[in-house]
């Protein structure tokens, strides 16, 4: 189990009963942070790297890509960040991220790692094809 599941699910009854810790109801917690879904208003924080596009400007993010350790960069959350940039058509961010993935893996390995995030196969193939065209300077995929 990851720490969120351990603390909030497995240990929650013990933490509440033995230590008096109180957990906010979901509607209150959502005012402070988000993970999946779009918040209705600004939040204090966010969870998961795939939300970074909402809070970190593109230039800063592109600079961070090279600094991330391989384990973090290979995580499903960072792979989902690449997919978010694809959906947003943020080509500069896509290129920097995908170039780094290609330095680590073949396109087939990238497909396998994206599939492991739970994204349907057809969508994964579209993301990889789009990124491959971008890094190979084949701009027909972008309507230019």
N, C-alpha and C. Protein backbone atom coordinates (compact mmCIF):
# COMPACT_ATOMS: atom_id res chain seq x y z
N UNK A 1 0.83 -1.19 0.00
CA UNK A 1 0.00 0.00 0.00
C UNK A 1 0.87 1.25 0.00
N UNK A 2 0.40 2.26 -0.71
CA UNK A 2 1.13 3.52 -0.64
C UNK A 2 0.75 4.25 0.65
N UNK A 3 1.48 5.31 0.96
CA UNK A 3 1.28 6.00 2.24
C UNK A 3 -0.11 6.60 2.37
N UNK A 4 -0.70 7.05 1.26
CA UNK A 4 -2.05 7.62 1.35
C UNK A 4 -3.06 6.58 1.79
N UNK A 5 -2.98 5.39 1.19
CA UNK A 5 -3.89 4.32 1.57
C UNK A 5 -3.63 3.86 3.00
N UNK A 6 -2.37 3.77 3.38
CA UNK A 6 -2.05 3.35 4.74
C UNK A 6 -2.61 4.33 5.77
N UNK A 7 -2.34 5.60 5.57
CA UNK A 7 -2.76 6.61 6.55
C UNK A 7 -4.26 6.83 6.53
N UNK A 8 -4.82 7.01 5.35
CA UNK A 8 -6.22 7.42 5.24
C UNK A 8 -7.22 6.27 5.26
N UNK A 9 -6.77 5.08 4.96
CA UNK A 9 -7.71 3.96 4.95
C UNK A 9 -7.37 2.92 6.02
N UNK A 10 -6.17 2.36 5.93
CA UNK A 10 -5.81 1.28 6.84
C UNK A 10 -5.68 1.76 8.29
N UNK A 11 -4.97 2.87 8.50
CA UNK A 11 -4.71 3.34 9.86
C UNK A 11 -5.70 4.38 10.36
N UNK A 12 -6.61 4.81 9.52
CA UNK A 12 -7.53 5.87 9.92
C UNK A 12 -8.29 5.55 11.20
N UNK A 13 -8.92 4.38 11.32
CA UNK A 13 -9.65 4.10 12.56
C UNK A 13 -8.76 4.19 13.81
N UNK A 14 -7.55 3.67 13.71
CA UNK A 14 -6.62 3.73 14.84
C UNK A 14 -6.21 5.17 15.13
N UNK A 15 -5.89 5.93 14.09
CA UNK A 15 -5.47 7.31 14.28
C UNK A 15 -6.58 8.16 14.90
N UNK A 16 -7.81 7.90 14.50
CA UNK A 16 -8.95 8.64 15.05
C UNK A 16 -9.22 8.23 16.50
N UNK A 17 -9.25 6.92 16.75
CA UNK A 17 -9.60 6.42 18.09
C UNK A 17 -8.50 6.62 19.12
N UNK A 18 -7.28 6.33 18.76
CA UNK A 18 -6.18 6.36 19.72
C UNK A 18 -5.50 7.72 19.86
N UNK A 19 -5.53 8.52 18.79
CA UNK A 19 -4.77 9.75 18.80
C UNK A 19 -5.62 11.00 18.57
N UNK A 20 -6.91 10.81 18.38
CA UNK A 20 -7.81 11.94 18.21
C UNK A 20 -7.63 12.72 16.92
N UNK A 21 -7.00 12.09 15.96
CA UNK A 21 -6.80 12.77 14.67
C UNK A 21 -8.13 12.80 13.93
N UNK A 22 -8.44 13.96 13.36
CA UNK A 22 -9.69 14.11 12.60
C UNK A 22 -9.36 14.30 11.13
N UNK A 23 -10.11 13.62 10.30
CA UNK A 23 -9.95 13.73 8.85
C UNK A 23 -11.09 14.57 8.32
N UNK A 24 -10.77 15.49 7.44
CA UNK A 24 -11.81 16.35 6.87
C UNK A 24 -12.69 15.54 5.92
N UNK A 25 -13.98 15.86 5.91
CA UNK A 25 -14.84 15.23 4.90
C UNK A 25 -14.37 15.64 3.50
N UNK A 26 -14.68 14.83 2.51
CA UNK A 26 -14.20 15.07 1.14
C UNK A 26 -14.55 16.47 0.64
N UNK A 27 -15.75 16.95 0.93
CA UNK A 27 -16.13 18.28 0.42
C UNK A 27 -15.30 19.40 1.05
N UNK A 28 -14.81 19.21 2.25
CA UNK A 28 -13.94 20.20 2.88
C UNK A 28 -12.51 20.04 2.37
N UNK A 29 -12.04 18.80 2.31
CA UNK A 29 -10.67 18.54 1.84
C UNK A 29 -10.46 19.05 0.42
N UNK A 30 -11.50 18.96 -0.41
CA UNK A 30 -11.36 19.39 -1.81
C UNK A 30 -11.13 20.89 -1.94
N UNK A 31 -11.44 21.65 -0.90
CA UNK A 31 -11.17 23.09 -0.93
C UNK A 31 -9.70 23.39 -0.70
N UNK A 32 -8.94 22.42 -0.19
CA UNK A 32 -7.54 22.63 0.15
C UNK A 32 -6.57 22.00 -0.84
N UNK A 33 -6.96 20.90 -1.46
CA UNK A 33 -6.06 20.22 -2.39
C UNK A 33 -6.87 19.40 -3.38
N UNK A 34 -6.22 19.04 -4.47
CA UNK A 34 -6.90 18.23 -5.48
C UNK A 34 -5.96 17.15 -5.98
N UNK A 35 -6.55 16.14 -6.58
CA UNK A 35 -5.77 15.11 -7.28
C UNK A 35 -6.40 14.92 -8.64
N UNK A 36 -7.48 14.17 -8.70
CA UNK A 36 -8.18 13.98 -9.98
C UNK A 36 -9.33 14.99 -10.07
N UNK A 37 -9.69 15.33 -11.27
CA UNK A 37 -10.76 16.31 -11.44
C UNK A 37 -10.23 17.73 -11.35
N UNK A 38 -11.04 18.64 -11.79
CA UNK A 38 -10.66 20.05 -11.77
C UNK A 38 -11.27 20.74 -10.56
N UNK A 39 -10.44 21.43 -9.78
CA UNK A 39 -11.01 22.16 -8.64
C UNK A 39 -11.82 23.36 -9.14
N UNK A 40 -12.83 23.72 -8.36
CA UNK A 40 -13.68 24.87 -8.71
C UNK A 40 -13.00 26.21 -8.45
N UNK A 41 -12.02 26.20 -7.55
CA UNK A 41 -11.32 27.42 -7.19
C UNK A 41 -9.87 27.06 -6.87
N UNK A 42 -9.01 28.05 -6.71
CA UNK A 42 -7.61 27.74 -6.37
C UNK A 42 -7.53 26.92 -5.08
N UNK A 43 -6.55 26.01 -5.05
CA UNK A 43 -6.35 25.17 -3.87
C UNK A 43 -4.99 25.48 -3.25
N UNK A 44 -4.83 25.08 -2.02
CA UNK A 44 -3.57 25.25 -1.32
C UNK A 44 -2.51 24.33 -1.92
N UNK A 45 -2.92 23.16 -2.32
CA UNK A 45 -1.95 22.19 -2.83
C UNK A 45 -2.59 21.25 -3.83
N UNK A 46 -1.79 20.32 -4.27
CA UNK A 46 -2.26 19.30 -5.21
C UNK A 46 -1.47 18.04 -4.96
N UNK A 47 -1.99 16.96 -5.47
CA UNK A 47 -1.33 15.68 -5.32
C UNK A 47 -1.03 15.14 -6.71
N UNK A 48 0.09 14.56 -6.88
CA UNK A 48 0.51 13.84 -8.07
C UNK A 48 1.12 14.78 -9.12
N UNK A 49 2.16 14.29 -9.72
CA UNK A 49 2.91 15.06 -10.72
C UNK A 49 2.06 15.43 -11.92
N UNK A 50 1.04 14.64 -12.23
CA UNK A 50 0.26 14.95 -13.42
C UNK A 50 -0.51 16.25 -13.29
N UNK A 51 -0.59 16.82 -12.11
CA UNK A 51 -1.23 18.12 -11.90
C UNK A 51 -0.26 19.30 -12.00
N UNK A 52 0.99 19.02 -12.20
CA UNK A 52 1.98 20.11 -12.18
C UNK A 52 1.74 21.14 -13.27
N UNK A 53 1.17 20.74 -14.39
CA UNK A 53 0.93 21.70 -15.48
C UNK A 53 0.03 22.84 -15.03
N UNK A 54 -0.79 22.60 -14.01
CA UNK A 54 -1.69 23.63 -13.51
C UNK A 54 -0.97 24.66 -12.64
N UNK A 55 0.19 24.31 -12.11
CA UNK A 55 0.82 25.13 -11.08
C UNK A 55 2.26 25.54 -11.40
N UNK A 56 2.86 24.92 -12.40
CA UNK A 56 4.25 25.22 -12.74
C UNK A 56 4.28 25.70 -14.19
N UNK A 57 4.88 26.86 -14.42
CA UNK A 57 4.91 27.38 -15.79
C UNK A 57 5.75 26.46 -16.68
N UNK A 58 5.48 26.52 -17.97
CA UNK A 58 6.09 25.60 -18.93
C UNK A 58 7.61 25.65 -18.91
N UNK A 59 8.20 26.83 -18.88
CA UNK A 59 9.66 26.93 -18.89
C UNK A 59 10.27 26.27 -17.66
N UNK A 60 9.67 26.51 -16.51
CA UNK A 60 10.17 25.89 -15.28
C UNK A 60 10.04 24.38 -15.36
N UNK A 61 8.90 23.91 -15.86
CA UNK A 61 8.68 22.47 -15.96
C UNK A 61 9.69 21.83 -16.89
N UNK A 62 9.94 22.48 -18.01
CA UNK A 62 10.91 21.92 -18.96
C UNK A 62 12.30 21.84 -18.34
N UNK A 63 12.63 22.81 -17.50
CA UNK A 63 13.91 22.76 -16.79
C UNK A 63 13.96 21.66 -15.75
N UNK A 64 12.82 21.35 -15.16
CA UNK A 64 12.77 20.31 -14.12
C UNK A 64 12.88 18.92 -14.70
N UNK A 65 12.46 18.73 -15.93
CA UNK A 65 12.42 17.39 -16.53
C UNK A 65 13.79 16.71 -16.47
N UNK A 66 14.82 17.43 -16.81
CA UNK A 66 16.16 16.84 -16.78
C UNK A 66 16.68 16.58 -15.39
N UNK A 67 16.15 17.29 -14.40
CA UNK A 67 16.64 17.15 -13.02
C UNK A 67 15.96 16.02 -12.26
N UNK A 68 14.82 15.55 -12.76
CA UNK A 68 14.11 14.48 -12.06
C UNK A 68 14.92 13.19 -12.11
N UNK A 69 15.00 12.48 -10.98
CA UNK A 69 15.70 11.20 -11.01
C UNK A 69 14.89 10.23 -11.88
N UNK A 70 15.55 9.23 -12.40
CA UNK A 70 14.93 8.31 -13.35
C UNK A 70 13.71 7.62 -12.75
N UNK A 71 13.78 7.23 -11.51
CA UNK A 71 12.64 6.53 -10.89
C UNK A 71 11.40 7.43 -10.87
N UNK A 72 11.58 8.68 -10.50
CA UNK A 72 10.46 9.62 -10.49
C UNK A 72 9.97 9.87 -11.90
N UNK A 73 10.91 10.12 -12.82
CA UNK A 73 10.54 10.41 -14.19
C UNK A 73 9.79 9.24 -14.83
N UNK A 74 10.13 8.03 -14.44
CA UNK A 74 9.50 6.83 -15.01
C UNK A 74 8.16 6.50 -14.34
N UNK A 75 7.77 7.25 -13.34
CA UNK A 75 6.52 6.95 -12.62
C UNK A 75 5.30 7.16 -13.49
N UNK A 76 4.22 6.48 -13.14
CA UNK A 76 2.99 6.64 -13.91
C UNK A 76 2.45 8.06 -13.82
N UNK A 77 2.68 8.75 -12.69
CA UNK A 77 2.20 10.12 -12.55
C UNK A 77 2.89 11.07 -13.52
N UNK A 78 4.20 10.90 -13.73
CA UNK A 78 4.90 11.77 -14.67
C UNK A 78 4.54 11.39 -16.11
N UNK A 79 4.32 10.10 -16.35
CA UNK A 79 3.85 9.71 -17.69
C UNK A 79 2.48 10.34 -17.97
N UNK A 80 1.64 10.42 -16.95
CA UNK A 80 0.33 11.06 -17.11
C UNK A 80 0.49 12.57 -17.34
N UNK A 81 1.54 13.16 -16.79
CA UNK A 81 1.82 14.57 -17.06
C UNK A 81 2.12 14.77 -18.54
N UNK A 82 2.92 13.87 -19.13
CA UNK A 82 3.18 13.95 -20.57
C UNK A 82 1.85 13.89 -21.34
N UNK A 83 0.97 12.99 -20.94
CA UNK A 83 -0.30 12.86 -21.63
C UNK A 83 -1.15 14.13 -21.46
N UNK A 84 -1.06 14.76 -20.31
CA UNK A 84 -1.78 16.03 -20.10
C UNK A 84 -1.24 17.09 -21.06
N UNK A 85 0.09 17.17 -21.20
CA UNK A 85 0.67 18.13 -22.14
C UNK A 85 0.24 17.82 -23.58
N UNK A 86 0.13 16.54 -23.91
CA UNK A 86 -0.37 16.16 -25.25
C UNK A 86 -1.79 16.67 -25.44
N UNK A 87 -2.64 16.44 -24.46
CA UNK A 87 -4.04 16.89 -24.56
C UNK A 87 -4.14 18.40 -24.68
N UNK A 88 -3.23 19.09 -24.00
CA UNK A 88 -3.23 20.55 -24.03
C UNK A 88 -2.50 21.11 -25.25
N UNK A 89 -1.87 20.24 -26.01
CA UNK A 89 -1.08 20.62 -27.18
C UNK A 89 0.05 21.59 -26.81
N UNK A 90 0.68 21.32 -25.68
CA UNK A 90 1.84 22.11 -25.25
C UNK A 90 3.08 21.41 -25.82
N UNK A 91 3.37 21.72 -27.08
CA UNK A 91 4.36 20.99 -27.84
C UNK A 91 5.78 21.10 -27.28
N UNK A 92 6.16 22.25 -26.77
CA UNK A 92 7.52 22.39 -26.23
C UNK A 92 7.71 21.47 -25.03
N UNK A 93 6.73 21.42 -24.15
CA UNK A 93 6.81 20.53 -22.99
C UNK A 93 6.79 19.07 -23.42
N UNK A 94 5.92 18.76 -24.37
CA UNK A 94 5.85 17.39 -24.89
C UNK A 94 7.21 16.95 -25.42
N UNK A 95 7.83 17.81 -26.22
CA UNK A 95 9.10 17.45 -26.84
C UNK A 95 10.18 17.20 -25.80
N UNK A 96 10.30 18.08 -24.83
CA UNK A 96 11.33 17.92 -23.81
C UNK A 96 11.11 16.62 -23.02
N UNK A 97 9.87 16.39 -22.63
CA UNK A 97 9.58 15.17 -21.86
C UNK A 97 9.80 13.92 -22.70
N UNK A 98 9.28 13.94 -23.91
CA UNK A 98 9.37 12.74 -24.74
C UNK A 98 10.82 12.46 -25.14
N UNK A 99 11.59 13.49 -25.40
CA UNK A 99 13.02 13.30 -25.70
C UNK A 99 13.69 12.55 -24.55
N UNK A 100 13.35 12.92 -23.34
CA UNK A 100 13.96 12.22 -22.19
C UNK A 100 13.48 10.78 -22.12
N UNK A 101 12.18 10.55 -22.33
CA UNK A 101 11.70 9.17 -22.34
C UNK A 101 12.41 8.36 -23.41
N UNK A 102 12.61 8.96 -24.58
CA UNK A 102 13.28 8.23 -25.66
C UNK A 102 14.74 7.96 -25.34
N UNK A 103 15.35 8.76 -24.47
CA UNK A 103 16.72 8.48 -24.06
C UNK A 103 16.77 7.28 -23.11
N UNK A 104 15.63 6.94 -22.53
CA UNK A 104 15.55 5.82 -21.59
C UNK A 104 14.99 4.55 -22.23
N UNK A 105 14.00 4.70 -23.11
CA UNK A 105 13.25 3.56 -23.63
C UNK A 105 12.99 3.68 -25.12
N UNK A 106 12.68 2.55 -25.71
CA UNK A 106 12.22 2.52 -27.10
C UNK A 106 10.76 2.95 -27.14
N UNK A 107 10.24 3.29 -28.32
CA UNK A 107 8.81 3.62 -28.40
C UNK A 107 7.91 2.49 -27.88
N UNK A 108 8.31 1.25 -28.12
CA UNK A 108 7.52 0.12 -27.64
C UNK A 108 7.50 0.07 -26.11
N UNK A 109 8.63 0.37 -25.49
CA UNK A 109 8.68 0.39 -24.02
C UNK A 109 7.84 1.55 -23.48
N UNK A 110 7.85 2.67 -24.17
CA UNK A 110 7.03 3.80 -23.75
C UNK A 110 5.56 3.41 -23.81
N UNK A 111 5.16 2.74 -24.88
CA UNK A 111 3.78 2.26 -24.99
C UNK A 111 3.44 1.37 -23.81
N UNK A 112 4.30 0.41 -23.49
CA UNK A 112 4.04 -0.50 -22.38
C UNK A 112 3.92 0.25 -21.05
N UNK A 113 4.79 1.22 -20.84
CA UNK A 113 4.75 1.98 -19.59
C UNK A 113 3.51 2.86 -19.51
N UNK A 114 3.07 3.42 -20.63
CA UNK A 114 1.83 4.20 -20.64
C UNK A 114 0.63 3.30 -20.40
N UNK A 115 0.64 2.12 -21.00
CA UNK A 115 -0.46 1.17 -20.77
C UNK A 115 -0.58 0.82 -19.29
N UNK A 116 0.56 0.74 -18.62
CA UNK A 116 0.56 0.41 -17.19
C UNK A 116 -0.10 1.48 -16.34
N UNK A 117 -0.29 2.69 -16.89
CA UNK A 117 -0.97 3.75 -16.14
C UNK A 117 -2.48 3.58 -16.18
N UNK A 118 -2.96 2.63 -17.02
CA UNK A 118 -4.40 2.40 -17.12
C UNK A 118 -5.07 3.13 -18.27
N UNK A 119 -4.29 3.83 -19.09
CA UNK A 119 -4.85 4.53 -20.24
C UNK A 119 -5.14 3.49 -21.32
N UNK A 120 -6.30 3.58 -21.97
CA UNK A 120 -6.65 2.60 -23.02
C UNK A 120 -5.61 2.58 -24.14
N UNK A 121 -5.41 1.40 -24.71
CA UNK A 121 -4.38 1.18 -25.73
C UNK A 121 -4.46 2.11 -26.92
N UNK A 122 -5.65 2.36 -27.42
CA UNK A 122 -5.79 3.24 -28.59
C UNK A 122 -5.29 4.64 -28.28
N UNK A 123 -5.62 5.15 -27.10
CA UNK A 123 -5.16 6.49 -26.70
C UNK A 123 -3.65 6.51 -26.54
N UNK A 124 -3.10 5.47 -25.94
CA UNK A 124 -1.65 5.39 -25.76
C UNK A 124 -0.94 5.44 -27.12
N UNK A 125 -1.44 4.68 -28.07
CA UNK A 125 -0.83 4.68 -29.40
C UNK A 125 -0.90 6.06 -30.04
N UNK A 126 -1.99 6.78 -29.83
CA UNK A 126 -2.11 8.13 -30.37
C UNK A 126 -1.11 9.08 -29.71
N UNK A 127 -0.96 8.97 -28.38
CA UNK A 127 0.02 9.82 -27.68
C UNK A 127 1.42 9.57 -28.20
N UNK A 128 1.80 8.29 -28.30
CA UNK A 128 3.16 7.96 -28.73
C UNK A 128 3.38 8.38 -30.18
N UNK A 129 2.40 8.15 -31.03
CA UNK A 129 2.55 8.58 -32.42
C UNK A 129 2.72 10.09 -32.51
N UNK A 130 1.93 10.83 -31.78
CA UNK A 130 2.04 12.29 -31.77
C UNK A 130 3.42 12.72 -31.31
N UNK A 131 3.89 12.13 -30.23
CA UNK A 131 5.21 12.50 -29.69
C UNK A 131 6.33 12.08 -30.63
N UNK A 132 6.22 10.91 -31.25
CA UNK A 132 7.23 10.47 -32.20
C UNK A 132 7.32 11.45 -33.38
N UNK A 133 6.17 11.88 -33.87
CA UNK A 133 6.18 12.85 -34.96
C UNK A 133 6.83 14.16 -34.52
N UNK A 134 6.54 14.55 -33.30
CA UNK A 134 7.11 15.80 -32.79
C UNK A 134 8.63 15.73 -32.71
N UNK A 135 9.15 14.66 -32.12
CA UNK A 135 10.61 14.56 -31.97
C UNK A 135 11.31 14.30 -33.29
N UNK A 136 10.57 13.80 -34.28
CA UNK A 136 11.15 13.58 -35.61
C UNK A 136 10.86 14.73 -36.56
N UNK A 137 10.37 15.84 -36.00
CA UNK A 137 10.08 17.06 -36.78
C UNK A 137 9.10 16.81 -37.92
N UNK A 138 8.16 15.90 -37.71
CA UNK A 138 7.10 15.63 -38.70
C UNK A 138 5.86 16.37 -38.22
N UNK A 139 5.70 17.59 -38.68
CA UNK A 139 4.66 18.47 -38.16
C UNK A 139 3.32 18.29 -38.83
N UNK A 140 3.18 17.29 -39.72
CA UNK A 140 1.86 17.05 -40.34
C UNK A 140 0.81 16.69 -39.30
N UNK A 141 1.24 16.09 -38.20
CA UNK A 141 0.31 15.68 -37.15
C UNK A 141 -0.29 16.88 -36.42
N UNK A 142 0.30 18.05 -36.63
CA UNK A 142 -0.11 19.22 -35.87
C UNK A 142 -0.88 20.22 -36.70
N UNK A 143 -1.22 19.84 -37.91
CA UNK A 143 -2.00 20.72 -38.77
C UNK A 143 -1.23 21.90 -39.31
N UNK A 144 0.10 21.79 -39.36
CA UNK A 144 0.91 22.89 -39.90
C UNK A 144 1.62 22.43 -41.16
